[in-house]
């Protein structure tokens, strides 16, 4: 009891490596909040279209799409963050993000309410992630970017879209469905 816990939050690795040069981020809205991902992780942006549902998957895995002959899983970020499923609207998009976990590279589509713009955010304008007070897991956040007096939640795509964690959750979904009477 009486123990002091110190936060060892560090700036995002990409920012650390880049020094003080501003980095580019794709910003998008989800549930009324503004999020950003490093533009280097973004492969392309697609208009929301038909997603083929896969049975017995966690609720945040909407299904798959065919992207030039490749099967790409599609994740509903709102559900991934513990919210309600995204309601498809006129500006709903699928952002194709490339995840590299060191061993394999995987393209994953994420459903967002709307894509906003590409912003340059200077290193000095990025705060460490908060230890509490967000509606998403804090390990999903790489930092908080200050843009025009407002904060943008900068996502750590390797954590949010962890291929290993998603595969584990999918297996749990498979086993619990097979155990059902």
C-alpha atoms as a PDB file:
ATOM      1  CA  UNK A   1       0.000   0.000   0.000  1.00  0.00           C
ATOM      2  CA  UNK A   2       1.706   3.443   0.195  1.00  0.00           C
ATOM      3  CA  UNK A   3       3.694   2.594  -2.947  1.00  0.00           C
ATOM      4  CA  UNK A   4       4.189   5.339  -5.551  1.00  0.00           C
ATOM      5  CA  UNK A   5       3.549   4.256  -9.112  1.00  0.00           C
ATOM      6  CA  UNK A   6       5.330   6.271 -11.764  1.00  0.00           C
ATOM      7  CA  UNK A   7       4.289   6.346 -15.398  1.00  0.00           C
ATOM      8  CA  UNK A   8       7.061   5.542 -17.819  1.00  0.00           C
ATOM      9  CA  UNK A   9       5.109   6.725 -20.868  1.00  0.00           C
ATOM     10  CA  UNK A  10       7.360   7.290 -23.827  1.00  0.00           C
ATOM     11  CA  UNK A  11       6.664   9.109 -27.061  1.00  0.00           C
ATOM     12  CA  UNK A  12       5.707   6.973 -30.060  1.00  0.00           C
ATOM     13  CA  UNK A  13       8.662   5.058 -31.521  1.00  0.00           C
ATOM     14  CA  UNK A  14       8.173   6.627 -34.953  1.00  0.00           C
ATOM     15  CA  UNK A  15       8.456  10.094 -33.446  1.00  0.00           C
ATOM     16  CA  UNK A  16      11.490   9.168 -31.355  1.00  0.00           C
ATOM     17  CA  UNK A  17      13.268   7.871 -34.458  1.00  0.00           C
ATOM     18  CA  UNK A  18      12.365  10.900 -36.540  1.00  0.00           C
ATOM     19  CA  UNK A  19      13.768  13.408 -34.077  1.00  0.00           C
ATOM     20  CA  UNK A  20      11.969  16.732 -34.111  1.00  0.00           C
ATOM     21  CA  UNK A  21      10.731  16.660 -37.717  1.00  0.00           C
ATOM     22  CA  UNK A  22       6.950  16.838 -38.042  1.00  0.00           C
ATOM     23  CA  UNK A  23       5.317  13.578 -39.088  1.00  0.00           C
ATOM     24  CA  UNK A  24       2.233  13.106 -41.244  1.00  0.00           C
ATOM     25  CA  UNK A  25      -0.903  11.475 -39.861  1.00  0.00           C
ATOM     26  CA  UNK A  26      -4.206  10.504 -41.430  1.00  0.00           C
ATOM     27  CA  UNK A  27      -7.029  11.787 -39.239  1.00  0.00           C
ATOM     28  CA  UNK A  28     -10.503  10.313 -39.095  1.00  0.00           C
ATOM     29  CA  UNK A  29     -13.599  10.480 -36.935  1.00  0.00           C
ATOM     30  CA  UNK A  30     -15.155   7.654 -35.017  1.00  0.00           C
ATOM     31  CA  UNK A  31     -18.071   8.134 -32.657  1.00  0.00           C
ATOM     32  CA  UNK A  32     -17.578  11.898 -32.691  1.00  0.00           C
ATOM     33  CA  UNK A  33     -13.906  11.715 -31.663  1.00  0.00           C
ATOM     34  CA  UNK A  34     -10.879  12.525 -33.816  1.00  0.00           C
ATOM     35  CA  UNK A  35      -8.194   9.851 -34.210  1.00  0.00           C
ATOM     36  CA  UNK A  36      -4.931   9.724 -36.150  1.00  0.00           C
ATOM     37  CA  UNK A  37      -2.658   7.024 -37.545  1.00  0.00           C
ATOM     38  CA  UNK A  38       0.800   7.502 -39.024  1.00  0.00           C
ATOM     39  CA  UNK A  39       0.438   7.980 -42.772  1.00  0.00           C
ATOM     40  CA  UNK A  40       3.259   5.478 -43.317  1.00  0.00           C
ATOM     41  CA  UNK A  41       0.913   2.725 -42.074  1.00  0.00           C
ATOM     42  CA  UNK A  42      -1.932   3.701 -44.422  1.00  0.00           C
ATOM     43  CA  UNK A  43      -2.028   1.786 -47.680  1.00  0.00           C
ATOM     44  CA  UNK A  44      -5.283   3.141 -49.117  1.00  0.00           C
ATOM     45  CA  UNK A  45      -8.770   4.410 -48.364  1.00  0.00           C
ATOM     46  CA  UNK A  46     -11.812   2.654 -49.813  1.00  0.00           C
ATOM     47  CA  UNK A  47     -15.428   3.664 -50.037  1.00  0.00           C
ATOM     48  CA  UNK A  48     -17.432   1.396 -47.726  1.00  0.00           C
ATOM     49  CA  UNK A  49     -18.743  -1.554 -49.709  1.00  0.00           C
ATOM     50  CA  UNK A  50     -19.788  -5.149 -49.323  1.00  0.00           C
ATOM     51  CA  UNK A  51     -18.034  -6.950 -46.473  1.00  0.00           C
ATOM     52  CA  UNK A  52     -18.364 -10.736 -46.398  1.00  0.00           C
ATOM     53  CA  UNK A  53     -19.241 -11.819 -42.867  1.00  0.00           C
ATOM     54  CA  UNK A  54     -17.353 -14.732 -41.331  1.00  0.00           C
ATOM     55  CA  UNK A  55     -19.269 -16.812 -38.769  1.00  0.00           C
ATOM     56  CA  UNK A  56     -18.082 -17.204 -35.163  1.00  0.00           C
ATOM     57  CA  UNK A  57     -15.773 -14.190 -35.119  1.00  0.00           C
ATOM     58  CA  UNK A  58     -15.519 -11.610 -32.336  1.00  0.00           C
ATOM     59  CA  UNK A  59     -18.045  -8.773 -32.812  1.00  0.00           C
ATOM     60  CA  UNK A  60     -15.354  -6.285 -33.842  1.00  0.00           C
ATOM     61  CA  UNK A  61     -14.322  -8.392 -36.863  1.00  0.00           C
ATOM     62  CA  UNK A  62     -16.908  -7.390 -39.455  1.00  0.00           C
ATOM     63  CA  UNK A  63     -15.662  -9.851 -42.066  1.00  0.00           C
ATOM     64  CA  UNK A  64     -13.386  -9.765 -45.098  1.00  0.00           C
ATOM     65  CA  UNK A  65     -13.115  -7.955 -48.409  1.00  0.00           C
ATOM     66  CA  UNK A  66     -11.424  -8.904 -51.650  1.00  0.00           C
ATOM     67  CA  UNK A  67      -8.734  -6.344 -52.411  1.00  0.00           C
ATOM     68  CA  UNK A  68      -7.258  -7.080 -55.837  1.00  0.00           C
ATOM     69  CA  UNK A  69      -7.332 -10.825 -55.188  1.00  0.00           C
ATOM     70  CA  UNK A  70      -6.159 -10.659 -51.566  1.00  0.00           C
ATOM     71  CA  UNK A  71      -8.469 -11.467 -48.657  1.00  0.00           C
ATOM     72  CA  UNK A  72      -8.305  -8.584 -46.171  1.00  0.00           C
ATOM     73  CA  UNK A  73      -9.947  -8.774 -42.723  1.00  0.00           C
ATOM     74  CA  UNK A  74     -12.123  -5.769 -41.823  1.00  0.00           C
ATOM     75  CA  UNK A  75     -12.366  -4.531 -38.241  1.00  0.00           C
ATOM     76  CA  UNK A  76     -14.972  -2.190 -36.788  1.00  0.00           C
ATOM     77  CA  UNK A  77     -12.835   0.135 -34.654  1.00  0.00           C
ATOM     78  CA  UNK A  78     -15.842   1.315 -32.665  1.00  0.00           C
ATOM     79  CA  UNK A  79     -16.527  -2.276 -31.539  1.00  0.00           C
ATOM     80  CA  UNK A  80     -12.802  -2.873 -30.985  1.00  0.00           C
ATOM     81  CA  UNK A  81     -12.848   0.046 -28.554  1.00  0.00           C
ATOM     82  CA  UNK A  82     -15.846  -1.431 -26.719  1.00  0.00           C
ATOM     83  CA  UNK A  83     -18.491   0.771 -28.347  1.00  0.00           C
ATOM     84  CA  UNK A  84     -21.484   0.157 -30.573  1.00  0.00           C
ATOM     85  CA  UNK A  85     -21.068  -1.093 -34.155  1.00  0.00           C
ATOM     86  CA  UNK A  86     -20.408   1.642 -36.704  1.00  0.00           C
ATOM     87  CA  UNK A  87     -23.531   2.629 -38.602  1.00  0.00           C
ATOM     88  CA  UNK A  88     -22.677   2.917 -42.278  1.00  0.00           C
ATOM     89  CA  UNK A  89     -23.243   6.412 -43.602  1.00  0.00           C
ATOM     90  CA  UNK A  90     -22.437   8.387 -46.697  1.00  0.00           C
ATOM     91  CA  UNK A  91     -18.868   9.145 -45.526  1.00  0.00           C
ATOM     92  CA  UNK A  92     -18.092   5.746 -43.964  1.00  0.00           C
ATOM     93  CA  UNK A  93     -14.781   4.382 -45.262  1.00  0.00           C
ATOM     94  CA  UNK A  94     -12.524   1.397 -44.928  1.00  0.00           C
ATOM     95  CA  UNK A  95      -8.933   2.451 -44.295  1.00  0.00           C
ATOM     96  CA  UNK A  96      -6.450  -0.246 -45.327  1.00  0.00           C
ATOM     97  CA  UNK A  97      -3.603  -0.268 -42.829  1.00  0.00           C
ATOM     98  CA  UNK A  98      -0.398  -2.251 -43.187  1.00  0.00           C
ATOM     99  CA  UNK A  99       0.708  -3.907 -39.959  1.00  0.00           C
ATOM    100  CA  UNK A 100       4.268  -5.179 -39.636  1.00  0.00           C
ATOM    101  CA  UNK A 101       4.914  -7.118 -36.437  1.00  0.00           C
ATOM    102  CA  UNK A 102       8.523  -7.878 -37.318  1.00  0.00           C
ATOM    103  CA  UNK A 103       7.857 -11.320 -38.755  1.00  0.00           C
ATOM    104  CA  UNK A 104       4.899 -10.840 -41.070  1.00  0.00           C
ATOM    105  CA  UNK A 105       3.176  -7.972 -42.830  1.00  0.00           C
ATOM    106  CA  UNK A 106      -0.623  -7.996 -42.857  1.00  0.00           C
ATOM    107  CA  UNK A 107      -3.126  -5.629 -44.438  1.00  0.00           C
ATOM    108  CA  UNK A 108      -6.163  -4.962 -42.255  1.00  0.00           C
ATOM    109  CA  UNK A 109      -9.161  -2.814 -43.109  1.00  0.00           C
ATOM    110  CA  UNK A 110     -10.678  -0.605 -40.426  1.00  0.00           C
ATOM    111  CA  UNK A 111     -14.137   0.914 -40.637  1.00  0.00           C
ATOM    112  CA  UNK A 112     -14.264   4.613 -39.709  1.00  0.00           C
ATOM    113  CA  UNK A 113     -17.110   7.139 -39.720  1.00  0.00           C
ATOM    114  CA  UNK A 114     -15.247   9.549 -41.997  1.00  0.00           C
ATOM    115  CA  UNK A 115     -11.709  10.338 -43.112  1.00  0.00           C
ATOM    116  CA  UNK A 116     -10.786  13.945 -42.326  1.00  0.00           C
ATOM    117  CA  UNK A 117      -7.372  14.980 -43.627  1.00  0.00           C
ATOM    118  CA  UNK A 118      -3.632  14.397 -43.549  1.00  0.00           C
ATOM    119  CA  UNK A 119      -1.970  16.556 -40.903  1.00  0.00           C
ATOM    120  CA  UNK A 120       1.627  17.272 -40.013  1.00  0.00           C
ATOM    121  CA  UNK A 121       2.095  17.120 -36.267  1.00  0.00           C
ATOM    122  CA  UNK A 122       5.374  18.319 -34.776  1.00  0.00           C
ATOM    123  CA  UNK A 123       7.027  16.270 -32.050  1.00  0.00           C
ATOM    124  CA  UNK A 124       6.597  19.141 -29.587  1.00  0.00           C
ATOM    125  CA  UNK A 125       2.836  19.019 -30.131  1.00  0.00           C
ATOM    126  CA  UNK A 126       2.556  15.390 -29.001  1.00  0.00           C
ATOM    127  CA  UNK A 127       1.851  14.535 -25.386  1.00  0.00           C
ATOM    128  CA  UNK A 128       2.309  11.060 -23.863  1.00  0.00           C
ATOM    129  CA  UNK A 129      -0.843   8.943 -23.672  1.00  0.00           C
ATOM    130  CA  UNK A 130      -3.003   9.499 -20.604  1.00  0.00           C
ATOM    131  CA  UNK A 131      -3.005   6.781 -17.960  1.00  0.00           C
ATOM    132  CA  UNK A 132      -6.785   7.073 -17.520  1.00  0.00           C
ATOM    133  CA  UNK A 133      -9.837   8.961 -18.723  1.00  0.00           C
ATOM    134  CA  UNK A 134     -10.218   7.561 -22.226  1.00  0.00           C
ATOM    135  CA  UNK A 135     -12.929   5.257 -23.483  1.00  0.00           C
ATOM    136  CA  UNK A 136     -10.370   3.008 -25.189  1.00  0.00           C
ATOM    137  CA  UNK A 137      -7.551   0.902 -23.775  1.00  0.00           C
ATOM    138  CA  UNK A 138      -4.602   3.152 -22.990  1.00  0.00           C
ATOM    139  CA  UNK A 139      -2.145   0.730 -24.610  1.00  0.00           C
ATOM    140  CA  UNK A 140      -3.931   1.457 -27.925  1.00  0.00           C
ATOM    141  CA  UNK A 141      -2.840   5.121 -27.704  1.00  0.00           C
ATOM    142  CA  UNK A 142       0.655   6.181 -28.766  1.00  0.00           C
ATOM    143  CA  UNK A 143       0.136   9.849 -27.894  1.00  0.00           C
ATOM    144  CA  UNK A 144      -2.160  12.847 -27.897  1.00  0.00           C
ATOM    145  CA  UNK A 145      -1.496  15.313 -30.706  1.00  0.00           C
ATOM    146  CA  UNK A 146      -2.426  18.977 -30.258  1.00  0.00           C
ATOM    147  CA  UNK A 147      -4.006  20.374 -33.410  1.00  0.00           C
ATOM    148  CA  UNK A 148      -5.642  23.818 -33.459  1.00  0.00           C
ATOM    149  CA  UNK A 149      -6.116  23.761 -29.689  1.00  0.00           C
ATOM    150  CA  UNK A 150      -7.783  20.332 -29.671  1.00  0.00           C
ATOM    151  CA  UNK A 151      -6.404  16.886 -28.924  1.00  0.00           C
ATOM    152  CA  UNK A 152      -6.268  14.129 -31.523  1.00  0.00           C
ATOM    153  CA  UNK A 153      -5.941  10.562 -30.208  1.00  0.00           C
ATOM    154  CA  UNK A 154      -2.950   9.004 -31.954  1.00  0.00           C
ATOM    155  CA  UNK A 155      -3.384   5.252 -32.280  1.00  0.00           C
ATOM    156  CA  UNK A 156      -0.662   2.633 -32.008  1.00  0.00           C
ATOM    157  CA  UNK A 157      -1.809   0.438 -34.907  1.00  0.00           C
ATOM    158  CA  UNK A 158       0.441  -2.455 -33.898  1.00  0.00           C
ATOM    159  CA  UNK A 159      -1.505  -2.721 -30.612  1.00  0.00           C
ATOM    160  CA  UNK A 160      -5.015  -1.890 -31.892  1.00  0.00           C
ATOM    161  CA  UNK A 161      -4.667  -4.277 -34.812  1.00  0.00           C
ATOM    162  CA  UNK A 162      -2.380  -6.847 -33.193  1.00  0.00           C
ATOM    163  CA  UNK A 163      -2.507  -9.820 -35.560  1.00  0.00           C
ATOM    164  CA  UNK A 164      -1.590 -12.159 -32.690  1.00  0.00           C
ATOM    165  CA  UNK A 165      -4.314 -10.845 -30.332  1.00  0.00           C
ATOM    166  CA  UNK A 166      -6.967 -10.897 -33.049  1.00  0.00           C
ATOM    167  CA  UNK A 167      -6.031 -14.484 -33.944  1.00  0.00           C
ATOM    168  CA  UNK A 168      -6.271 -15.482 -30.267  1.00  0.00           C
ATOM    169  CA  UNK A 169      -9.680 -13.818 -29.894  1.00  0.00           C
ATOM    170  CA  UNK A 170     -10.869 -15.524 -33.073  1.00  0.00           C
ATOM    171  CA  UNK A 171      -9.836 -18.923 -31.685  1.00  0.00           C
ATOM    172  CA  UNK A 172     -11.692 -18.185 -28.432  1.00  0.00           C
ATOM    173  CA  UNK A 173     -14.776 -17.342 -30.513  1.00  0.00           C
ATOM    174  CA  UNK A 174     -14.393 -20.596 -32.442  1.00  0.00           C
ATOM    175  CA  UNK A 175     -14.026 -22.753 -29.322  1.00  0.00           C
ATOM    176  CA  UNK A 176     -16.918 -21.141 -27.430  1.00  0.00           C
ATOM    177  CA  UNK A 177     -19.171 -21.525 -30.464  1.00  0.00           C
ATOM    178  CA  UNK A 178     -18.241 -25.192 -30.853  1.00  0.00           C
ATOM    179  CA  UNK A 179     -18.969 -25.814 -27.150  1.00  0.00           C
ATOM    180  CA  UNK A 180     -22.492 -24.396 -27.462  1.00  0.00           C
ATOM    181  CA  UNK A 181     -25.231 -27.076 -27.198  1.00  0.00           C
END
